[in-house]
PDB file of N, CA and C in Angstrom:
ATOM      1  N   MET A   1       1.107  10.702   6.916  1.00  0.00           N
ATOM      2  CA  MET A   1       1.485   9.448   5.583  1.00  0.00           C
ATOM      3  C   MET A   1       0.166   9.236   4.578  1.00  0.00           C
ATOM      4  N   LYS A   2       0.419   9.242   3.272  1.00  0.00           N
ATOM      5  CA  LYS A   2      -0.961   8.999   2.347  1.00  0.00           C
ATOM      6  C   LYS A   2      -0.538   7.145   2.010  1.00  0.00           C
ATOM      7  N   PHE A   3      -2.119   6.931   2.267  1.00  0.00           N
ATOM      8  CA  PHE A   3      -2.049   5.684   2.081  1.00  0.00           C
ATOM      9  C   PHE A   3      -2.456   5.445   0.590  1.00  0.00           C
ATOM     10  N   THR A   4      -2.432   4.428  -0.682  1.00  0.00           N
ATOM     11  CA  THR A   4      -3.025   4.193  -1.325  1.00  0.00           C
ATOM     12  C   THR A   4      -2.755   2.558  -1.393  1.00  0.00           C
ATOM     13  N   ILE A   5      -4.294   2.094  -1.812  1.00  0.00           N
ATOM     14  CA  ILE A   5      -4.221   0.360  -2.539  1.00  0.00           C
ATOM     15  C   ILE A   5      -5.225   0.519  -3.697  1.00  0.00           C
ATOM     16  N   LYS A   6      -4.738  -0.597  -4.266  1.00  0.00           N
ATOM     17  CA  LYS A   6      -5.340  -0.981  -5.289  1.00  0.00           C
ATOM     18  C   LYS A   6      -5.678  -2.551  -5.884  1.00  0.00           C
ATOM     19  N   TYR A   7      -6.675  -3.038  -5.308  1.00  0.00           N
ATOM     20  CA  TYR A   7      -6.913  -4.635  -5.366  1.00  0.00           C
ATOM     21  C   TYR A   7      -7.700  -5.368  -6.499  1.00  0.00           C
ATOM     22  N   PHE A   8      -6.754  -6.051  -7.158  1.00  0.00           N
ATOM     23  CA  PHE A   8      -6.929  -6.678  -8.620  1.00  0.00           C
ATOM     24  C   PHE A   8      -7.529  -8.472  -8.541  1.00  0.00           C
ATOM     25  N   VAL A   9      -8.602  -9.251  -8.731  1.00  0.00           N
ATOM     26  CA  VAL A   9      -9.056 -10.561  -8.485  1.00  0.00           C
ATOM     27  C   VAL A   9      -8.666 -11.028 -10.224  1.00  0.00           C
ATOM     28  N   ASN A  10      -8.462 -11.718 -10.631  1.00  0.00           N
ATOM     29  CA  ASN A  10      -8.117 -12.076 -12.079  1.00  0.00           C
ATOM     30  C   ASN A  10      -7.976 -11.075 -12.731  1.00  0.00           C
ATOM     31  N   GLY A  11      -7.318  -9.954 -12.406  1.00  0.00           N
ATOM     32  CA  GLY A  11      -6.761  -9.123 -13.865  1.00  0.00           C
ATOM     33  C   GLY A  11      -7.840  -7.646 -13.614  1.00  0.00           C
ATOM     34  N   LYS A  12      -9.001  -7.598 -12.853  1.00  0.00           N
ATOM     35  CA  LYS A  12      -9.924  -6.558 -13.423  1.00  0.00           C
ATOM     36  C   LYS A  12      -9.724  -6.271 -12.011  1.00  0.00           C
ATOM     37  N   MET A  13      -9.886  -4.640 -11.565  1.00  0.00           N
ATOM     38  CA  MET A  13      -9.541  -4.120 -10.274  1.00  0.00           C
ATOM     39  C   MET A  13     -10.967  -3.922  -9.481  1.00  0.00           C
ATOM     40  N   VAL A  14     -10.691  -4.472  -8.227  1.00  0.00           N
ATOM     41  CA  VAL A  14     -12.211  -4.844  -7.501  1.00  0.00           C
ATOM     42  C   VAL A  14     -12.241  -2.906  -6.803  1.00  0.00           C
ATOM     43  N   GLN A  15     -10.894  -2.934  -6.098  1.00  0.00           N
ATOM     44  CA  GLN A  15     -11.170  -1.938  -5.205  1.00  0.00           C
ATOM     45  C   GLN A  15      -9.922  -1.161  -5.393  1.00  0.00           C
ATOM     46  N   SER A  16     -10.072   0.307  -5.452  1.00  0.00           N
ATOM     47  CA  SER A  16      -9.163   1.270  -5.438  1.00  0.00           C
ATOM     48  C   SER A  16      -9.296   2.925  -4.182  1.00  0.00           C
ATOM     49  N   ALA A  17      -8.407   2.332  -3.377  1.00  0.00           N
ATOM     50  CA  ALA A  17      -8.615   4.114  -2.085  1.00  0.00           C
ATOM     51  C   ALA A  17      -7.317   4.322  -2.072  1.00  0.00           C
ATOM     52  N   MET A  18      -8.173   5.912  -1.899  1.00  0.00           N
ATOM     53  CA  MET A  18      -6.457   6.598  -1.286  1.00  0.00           C
ATOM     54  C   MET A  18      -7.160   7.179   0.306  1.00  0.00           C
ATOM     55  N   THR A  19      -5.776   7.425   1.072  1.00  0.00           N
ATOM     56  CA  THR A  19      -6.515   7.668   2.603  1.00  0.00           C
ATOM     57  C   THR A  19      -5.409   8.211   3.078  1.00  0.00           C
ATOM     58  N   HIS A  20      -5.332   9.123   4.121  1.00  0.00           N
ATOM     59  CA  HIS A  20      -4.810   9.384   5.268  1.00  0.00           C
ATOM     60  C   HIS A  20      -4.736   8.476   6.435  1.00  0.00           C
ATOM     61  N   LYS A  21      -5.971   7.909   6.393  1.00  0.00           N
ATOM     62  CA  LYS A  21      -6.502   7.184   8.087  1.00  0.00           C
ATOM     63  C   LYS A  21      -6.005   5.942   7.828  1.00  0.00           C
ATOM     64  N   ILE A  22      -4.757   5.923   8.942  1.00  0.00           N
ATOM     65  CA  ILE A  22      -4.470   4.572   8.977  1.00  0.00           C
ATOM     66  C   ILE A  22      -5.437   3.351   9.430  1.00  0.00           C
ATOM     67  N   ARG A  23      -6.510   3.684  10.399  1.00  0.00           N
ATOM     68  CA  ARG A  23      -7.507   2.569  10.499  1.00  0.00           C
ATOM     69  C   ARG A  23      -8.571   2.655   9.300  1.00  0.00           C
ATOM     70  N   ARG A  24      -8.991   3.717   8.342  1.00  0.00           N
ATOM     71  CA  ARG A  24      -9.420   2.771   6.763  1.00  0.00           C
ATOM     72  C   ARG A  24      -8.764   2.148   6.026  1.00  0.00           C
ATOM     73  N   PHE A  25      -7.730   2.371   6.395  1.00  0.00           N
ATOM     74  CA  PHE A  25      -6.293   1.899   5.147  1.00  0.00           C
ATOM     75  C   PHE A  25      -5.872   0.155   5.593  1.00  0.00           C
ATOM     76  N   LEU A  26      -6.374   0.105   6.831  1.00  0.00           N
ATOM     77  CA  LEU A  26      -6.055  -1.192   7.847  1.00  0.00           C
ATOM     78  C   LEU A  26      -7.388  -2.300   7.665  1.00  0.00           C
ATOM     79  N   LYS A  27      -8.219  -1.481   7.508  1.00  0.00           N
ATOM     80  CA  LYS A  27     -10.082  -2.257   7.800  1.00  0.00           C
ATOM     81  C   LYS A  27     -10.198  -2.655   5.610  1.00  0.00           C
ATOM     82  N   ILE A  28      -9.299  -1.899   5.135  1.00  0.00           N
ATOM     83  CA  ILE A  28      -9.018  -2.364   3.710  1.00  0.00           C
ATOM     84  C   ILE A  28      -8.230  -3.769   3.384  1.00  0.00           C
ATOM     85  N   LEU A  29      -7.640  -3.297   3.750  1.00  0.00           N
ATOM     86  CA  LEU A  29      -6.734  -4.770   3.986  1.00  0.00           C
ATOM     87  C   LEU A  29      -7.190  -6.211   4.316  1.00  0.00           C
ATOM     88  N   ARG A  30      -7.552  -5.776   5.850  1.00  0.00           N
ATOM     89  CA  ARG A  30      -8.449  -6.696   6.377  1.00  0.00           C
ATOM     90  C   ARG A  30      -9.097  -7.790   5.640  1.00  0.00           C
ATOM     91  N   SER A  31      -9.896  -6.675   4.702  1.00  0.00           N
ATOM     92  CA  SER A  31     -11.177  -6.917   3.882  1.00  0.00           C
ATOM     93  C   SER A  31     -10.522  -8.238   2.765  1.00  0.00           C
ATOM     94  N   ILE A  32      -9.619  -7.919   2.041  1.00  0.00           N
ATOM     95  CA  ILE A  32      -9.007  -8.556   0.819  1.00  0.00           C
ATOM     96  C   ILE A  32      -9.070  -9.896   1.311  1.00  0.00           C
ATOM     97  N   LYS A  33      -9.529 -10.950   0.190  1.00  0.00           N
ATOM     98  CA  LYS A  33      -9.805 -12.269   0.842  1.00  0.00           C
ATOM     99  C   LYS A  33      -8.968 -13.048  -0.148  1.00  0.00           C
ATOM    100  N   PHE A  34      -7.519 -13.819  -0.153  1.00  0.00           N
ATOM    101  CA  PHE A  34      -6.667 -13.914  -1.022  1.00  0.00           C
ATOM    102  C   PHE A  34      -7.176 -15.375  -1.325  1.00  0.00           C
ATOM    103  N   GLU A  35      -8.033 -15.924  -0.785  1.00  0.00           N
ATOM    104  CA  GLU A  35      -8.211 -17.689  -1.163  1.00  0.00           C
ATOM    105  C   GLU A  35      -9.018 -17.057  -2.466  1.00  0.00           C
ATOM    106  N   ASP A  36      -9.927 -16.457  -2.995  1.00  0.00           N
ATOM    107  CA  ASP A  36     -10.272 -15.746  -4.248  1.00  0.00           C
ATOM    108  C   ASP A  36      -9.795 -16.558  -5.485  1.00  0.00           C
ATOM    109  N   GLY A  37      -8.640 -16.563  -5.709  1.00  0.00           N
ATOM    110  CA  GLY A  37      -7.963 -17.040  -6.407  1.00  0.00           C
ATOM    111  C   GLY A  37      -6.888 -16.278  -6.967  1.00  0.00           C
ATOM    112  N   ASN A  38      -6.686 -15.652  -8.531  1.00  0.00           N
ATOM    113  CA  ASN A  38      -5.681 -14.961  -8.650  1.00  0.00           C
ATOM    114  C   ASN A  38      -5.790 -13.498  -8.038  1.00  0.00           C
ATOM    115  N   VAL A  39      -5.268 -13.253  -6.935  1.00  0.00           N
ATOM    116  CA  VAL A  39      -5.550 -11.941  -6.492  1.00  0.00           C
ATOM    117  C   VAL A  39      -3.993 -11.409  -6.200  1.00  0.00           C
ATOM    118  N   LEU A  40      -4.404  -9.679  -7.236  1.00  0.00           N
ATOM    119  CA  LEU A  40      -3.033  -9.111  -6.643  1.00  0.00           C
ATOM    120  C   LEU A  40      -3.538  -7.381  -5.832  1.00  0.00           C
ATOM    121  N   THR A  41      -2.540  -7.309  -5.073  1.00  0.00           N
ATOM    122  CA  THR A  41      -2.723  -6.120  -4.317  1.00  0.00           C
ATOM    123  C   THR A  41      -1.194  -5.305  -4.775  1.00  0.00           C
ATOM    124  N   TYR A  42      -1.863  -3.856  -4.594  1.00  0.00           N
ATOM    125  CA  TYR A  42      -0.825  -2.912  -4.524  1.00  0.00           C
ATOM    126  C   TYR A  42      -1.166  -2.024  -3.589  1.00  0.00           C
ATOM    127  N   ILE A  43       0.341  -1.514  -2.902  1.00  0.00           N
ATOM    128  CA  ILE A  43       0.293  -0.618  -1.820  1.00  0.00           C
ATOM    129  C   ILE A  43       1.148   0.034  -1.809  1.00  0.00           C
ATOM    130  N   ARG A  44       0.708   1.478  -1.387  1.00  0.00           N
ATOM    131  CA  ARG A  44       1.879   2.958  -1.597  1.00  0.00           C
ATOM    132  C   ARG A  44       1.742   3.521  -0.316  1.00  0.00           C
ATOM    133  N   VAL A  45       2.863   3.583   0.605  1.00  0.00           N
ATOM    134  CA  VAL A  45       2.739   4.646   1.698  1.00  0.00           C
ATOM    135  C   VAL A  45       3.394   5.873   1.506  1.00  0.00           C
ATOM    136  N   GLY A  46       2.966   7.226   1.012  1.00  0.00           N
ATOM    137  CA  GLY A  46       3.611   7.951   0.954  1.00  0.00           C
ATOM    138  C   GLY A  46       4.274   9.059   2.368  1.00  0.00           C
ATOM    139  N   TYR A  47       5.418   9.150   2.189  1.00  0.00           N
ATOM    140  CA  TYR A  47       5.921   9.899   3.472  1.00  0.00           C
ATOM    141  C   TYR A  47       6.265  11.634   3.475  1.00  0.00           C
ATOM    142  N   GLY A  48       5.164  11.800   1.911  1.00  0.00           N
ATOM    143  CA  GLY A  48       5.565  13.808   1.931  1.00  0.00           C
ATOM    144  C   GLY A  48       6.402  14.426   1.370  1.00  0.00           C
ATOM    145  N   LYS A  49       6.537  15.418   0.981  1.00  0.00           N
ATOM    146  CA  LYS A  49       7.628  15.754  -0.255  1.00  0.00           C
ATOM    147  C   LYS A  49       9.164  16.213   1.042  1.00  0.00           C
ATOM    148  N   LYS A  50       9.823  16.113   0.490  1.00  0.00           N
ATOM    149  CA  LYS A  50      11.186  16.818   1.066  1.00  0.00           C
ATOM    150  C   LYS A  50      12.623  17.314   0.291  1.00  0.00           C
ATOM    151  N   TRP A  51      13.523  17.733   0.875  1.00  0.00           N
ATOM    152  CA  TRP A  51      14.541  18.155  -0.158  1.00  0.00           C
ATOM    153  C   TRP A  51      15.122  16.621   0.003  1.00  0.00           C
ATOM    154  N   ASP A  52      15.472  16.413  -1.327  1.00  0.00           N
ATOM    155  CA  ASP A  52      16.811  15.254  -1.563  1.00  0.00           C
ATOM    156  C   ASP A  52      18.148  15.292  -1.373  1.00  0.00           C
ATOM    157  N   VAL A  53      18.991  14.715  -1.833  1.00  0.00           N
ATOM    158  CA  VAL A  53      20.132  14.473  -1.841  1.00  0.00           C
ATOM    159  C   VAL A  53      20.918  15.876  -3.362  1.00  0.00           C
ATOM    160  N   PHE A  54      20.008  15.906  -4.172  1.00  0.00           N
ATOM    161  CA  PHE A  54      20.284  16.278  -5.446  1.00  0.00           C
ATOM    162  C   PHE A  54      19.465  17.872  -5.128  1.00  0.00           C
ATOM    163  N   ASP A  55      19.533  18.000  -4.061  1.00  0.00           N
ATOM    164  CA  ASP A  55      18.582  19.311  -3.725  1.00  0.00           C
ATOM    165  C   ASP A  55      17.315  19.930  -4.617  1.00  0.00           C
ATOM    166  N   LYS A  56      16.607  18.508  -4.767  1.00  0.00           N
ATOM    167  CA  LYS A  56      15.496  18.376  -5.249  1.00  0.00           C
ATOM    168  C   LYS A  56      14.376  18.655  -4.420  1.00  0.00           C
ATOM    169  N   TYR A  57      13.027  19.275  -4.250  1.00  0.00           N
ATOM    170  CA  TYR A  57      11.716  19.009  -3.627  1.00  0.00           C
ATOM    171  C   TYR A  57      11.207  17.596  -4.571  1.00  0.00           C
ATOM    172  N   SER A  58      11.048  16.305  -3.629  1.00  0.00           N
ATOM    173  CA  SER A  58      10.355  14.741  -3.921  1.00  0.00           C
ATOM    174  C   SER A  58      10.038  14.590  -3.227  1.00  0.00           C
ATOM    175  N   GLU A  59       8.678  13.660  -3.971  1.00  0.00           N
ATOM    176  CA  GLU A  59       7.955  13.031  -2.529  1.00  0.00           C
ATOM    177  C   GLU A  59       8.752  11.472  -2.440  1.00  0.00           C
ATOM    178  N   PHE A  60       8.571  10.881  -1.237  1.00  0.00           N
ATOM    179  CA  PHE A  60       8.902   9.714  -0.749  1.00  0.00           C
ATOM    180  C   PHE A  60       8.046   9.004  -0.025  1.00  0.00           C
ATOM    181  N   TYR A  61       8.334   7.226  -0.828  1.00  0.00           N
ATOM    182  CA  TYR A  61       7.247   6.509  -0.838  1.00  0.00           C
ATOM    183  C   TYR A  61       7.840   5.714  -0.906  1.00  0.00           C
ATOM    184  N   ASN A  62       6.940   3.959  -0.240  1.00  0.00           N
ATOM    185  CA  ASN A  62       7.497   2.720  -0.683  1.00  0.00           C
ATOM    186  C   ASN A  62       5.913   2.449  -1.188  1.00  0.00           C
ATOM    187  N   ASP A  63       6.319   1.383  -2.437  1.00  0.00           N
ATOM    188  CA  ASP A  63       5.476   0.877  -2.633  1.00  0.00           C
ATOM    189  C   ASP A  63       5.721  -1.126  -3.308  1.00  0.00           C
ATOM    190  N   GLY A  64       4.712  -1.664  -3.893  1.00  0.00           N
ATOM    191  CA  GLY A  64       4.932  -3.085  -4.109  1.00  0.00           C
ATOM    192  C   GLY A  64       3.525  -3.396  -4.552  1.00  0.00           C
ATOM    193  N   ASP A  65       3.954  -4.896  -5.194  1.00  0.00           N
ATOM    194  CA  ASP A  65       2.660  -5.710  -5.609  1.00  0.00           C
ATOM    195  C   ASP A  65       2.840  -6.892  -4.749  1.00  0.00           C
ATOM    196  N   PHE A  66       1.949  -7.177  -4.556  1.00  0.00           N
ATOM    197  CA  PHE A  66       1.595  -8.550  -3.619  1.00  0.00           C
ATOM    198  C   PHE A  66       0.603  -9.629  -3.817  1.00  0.00           C
ATOM    199  N   VAL A  67       0.957 -10.418  -3.476  1.00  0.00           N
ATOM    200  CA  VAL A  67       0.060 -11.487  -4.623  1.00  0.00           C
ATOM    201  C   VAL A  67      -0.108 -12.451  -2.974  1.00  0.00           C
ATOM    202  N   ASN A  68       0.347 -12.296  -2.076  1.00  0.00           N
ATOM    203  CA  ASN A  68      -0.330 -13.701  -0.848  1.00  0.00           C
ATOM    204  C   ASN A  68      -0.255 -12.347   0.628  1.00  0.00           C
ATOM    205  N   ALA A  69      -1.033 -12.747   1.475  1.00  0.00           N
ATOM    206  CA  ALA A  69      -1.480 -12.240   2.506  1.00  0.00           C
ATOM    207  C   ALA A  69      -0.084 -11.850   3.540  1.00  0.00           C
ATOM    208  N   ASN A  70       0.668 -12.511   3.886  1.00  0.00           N
ATOM    209  CA  ASN A  70       1.954 -12.798   4.599  1.00  0.00           C
ATOM    210  C   ASN A  70       2.847 -11.760   3.891  1.00  0.00           C
ATOM    211  N   ASP A  71       2.985 -11.826   2.356  1.00  0.00           N
ATOM    212  CA  ASP A  71       3.863 -10.499   2.280  1.00  0.00           C
ATOM    213  C   ASP A  71       3.741  -9.135   2.356  1.00  0.00           C
ATOM    214  N   LEU A  72       1.984  -9.237   2.103  1.00  0.00           N
ATOM    215  CA  LEU A  72       1.216  -7.766   2.475  1.00  0.00           C
ATOM    216  C   LEU A  72       1.481  -6.898   3.942  1.00  0.00           C
ATOM    217  N   TRP A  73       1.161  -8.502   4.508  1.00  0.00           N
ATOM    218  CA  TRP A  73       1.416  -7.637   5.910  1.00  0.00           C
ATOM    219  C   TRP A  73       2.958  -7.357   6.913  1.00  0.00           C
ATOM    220  N   LEU A  74       3.681  -8.179   6.173  1.00  0.00           N
ATOM    221  CA  LEU A  74       5.352  -7.768   6.511  1.00  0.00           C
ATOM    222  C   LEU A  74       5.802  -6.489   5.996  1.00  0.00           C
ATOM    223  N   ALA A  75       5.160  -6.765   4.412  1.00  0.00           N
ATOM    224  CA  ALA A  75       5.570  -5.214   3.572  1.00  0.00           C
ATOM    225  C   ALA A  75       4.937  -3.749   4.471  1.00  0.00           C
ATOM    226  N   PHE A  76       3.681  -3.724   4.975  1.00  0.00           N
ATOM    227  CA  PHE A  76       2.680  -2.893   5.579  1.00  0.00           C
ATOM    228  C   PHE A  76       3.804  -2.573   7.015  1.00  0.00           C
ATOM    229  N   ASP A  77       3.977  -3.566   7.619  1.00  0.00           N
ATOM    230  CA  ASP A  77       4.827  -3.472   8.564  1.00  0.00           C
ATOM    231  C   ASP A  77       5.691  -2.258   8.793  1.00  0.00           C
ATOM    232  N   ALA A  78       6.899  -2.840   8.016  1.00  0.00           N
ATOM    233  CA  ALA A  78       8.154  -2.138   6.964  1.00  0.00           C
ATOM    234  C   ALA A  78       7.981  -0.820   6.619  1.00  0.00           C
ATOM    235  N   PHE A  79       6.673  -0.264   5.479  1.00  0.00           N
ATOM    236  CA  PHE A  79       6.526   0.811   5.470  1.00  0.00           C
ATOM    237  C   PHE A  79       5.707   1.735   6.007  1.00  0.00           C
ATOM    238  N   THR A  80       5.416   1.184   7.590  1.00  0.00           N
ATOM    239  CA  THR A  80       4.679   2.385   8.104  1.00  0.00           C
ATOM    240  C   THR A  80       5.923   2.413   9.636  1.00  0.00           C
ATOM    241  N   GLU A  81       6.801   1.680   9.318  1.00  0.00           N
ATOM    242  CA  GLU A  81       7.761   1.360  10.724  1.00  0.00           C
ATOM    243  C   GLU A  81       7.876   2.868  11.270  1.00  0.00           C
ATOM    244  N   LYS A  82       8.140   3.084  12.912  1.00  0.00           N
ATOM    245  CA  LYS A  82       8.457   4.567  13.010  1.00  0.00           C
ATOM    246  C   LYS A  82       9.711   4.400  13.617  1.00  0.00           C
ATOM    247  N   ASP A  83      11.086   5.421  13.477  1.00  0.00           N
ATOM    248  CA  ASP A  83      12.028   5.426  13.683  1.00  0.00           C
ATOM    249  C   ASP A  83      12.164   5.687  15.201  1.00  0.00           C
TER     250      ASP A  83
END
């Protein structure tokens, strides 16, 4: 899996990171302080490229923008769920 995070406070990017290591990604997620004001967090979890139903080699991923910690952690759990 490939993890991407972008963290904005008051419309300005504070941090951007891309990694394959889940421990590093979790460390960054835990460091986000939603109490600081107008915080927006974008996360994307990529699963790699596979053949889709249209016989194209496409990248599969989940992503979303989050403004509170509860929604962010629920999405992280859903995006990294194993079969």
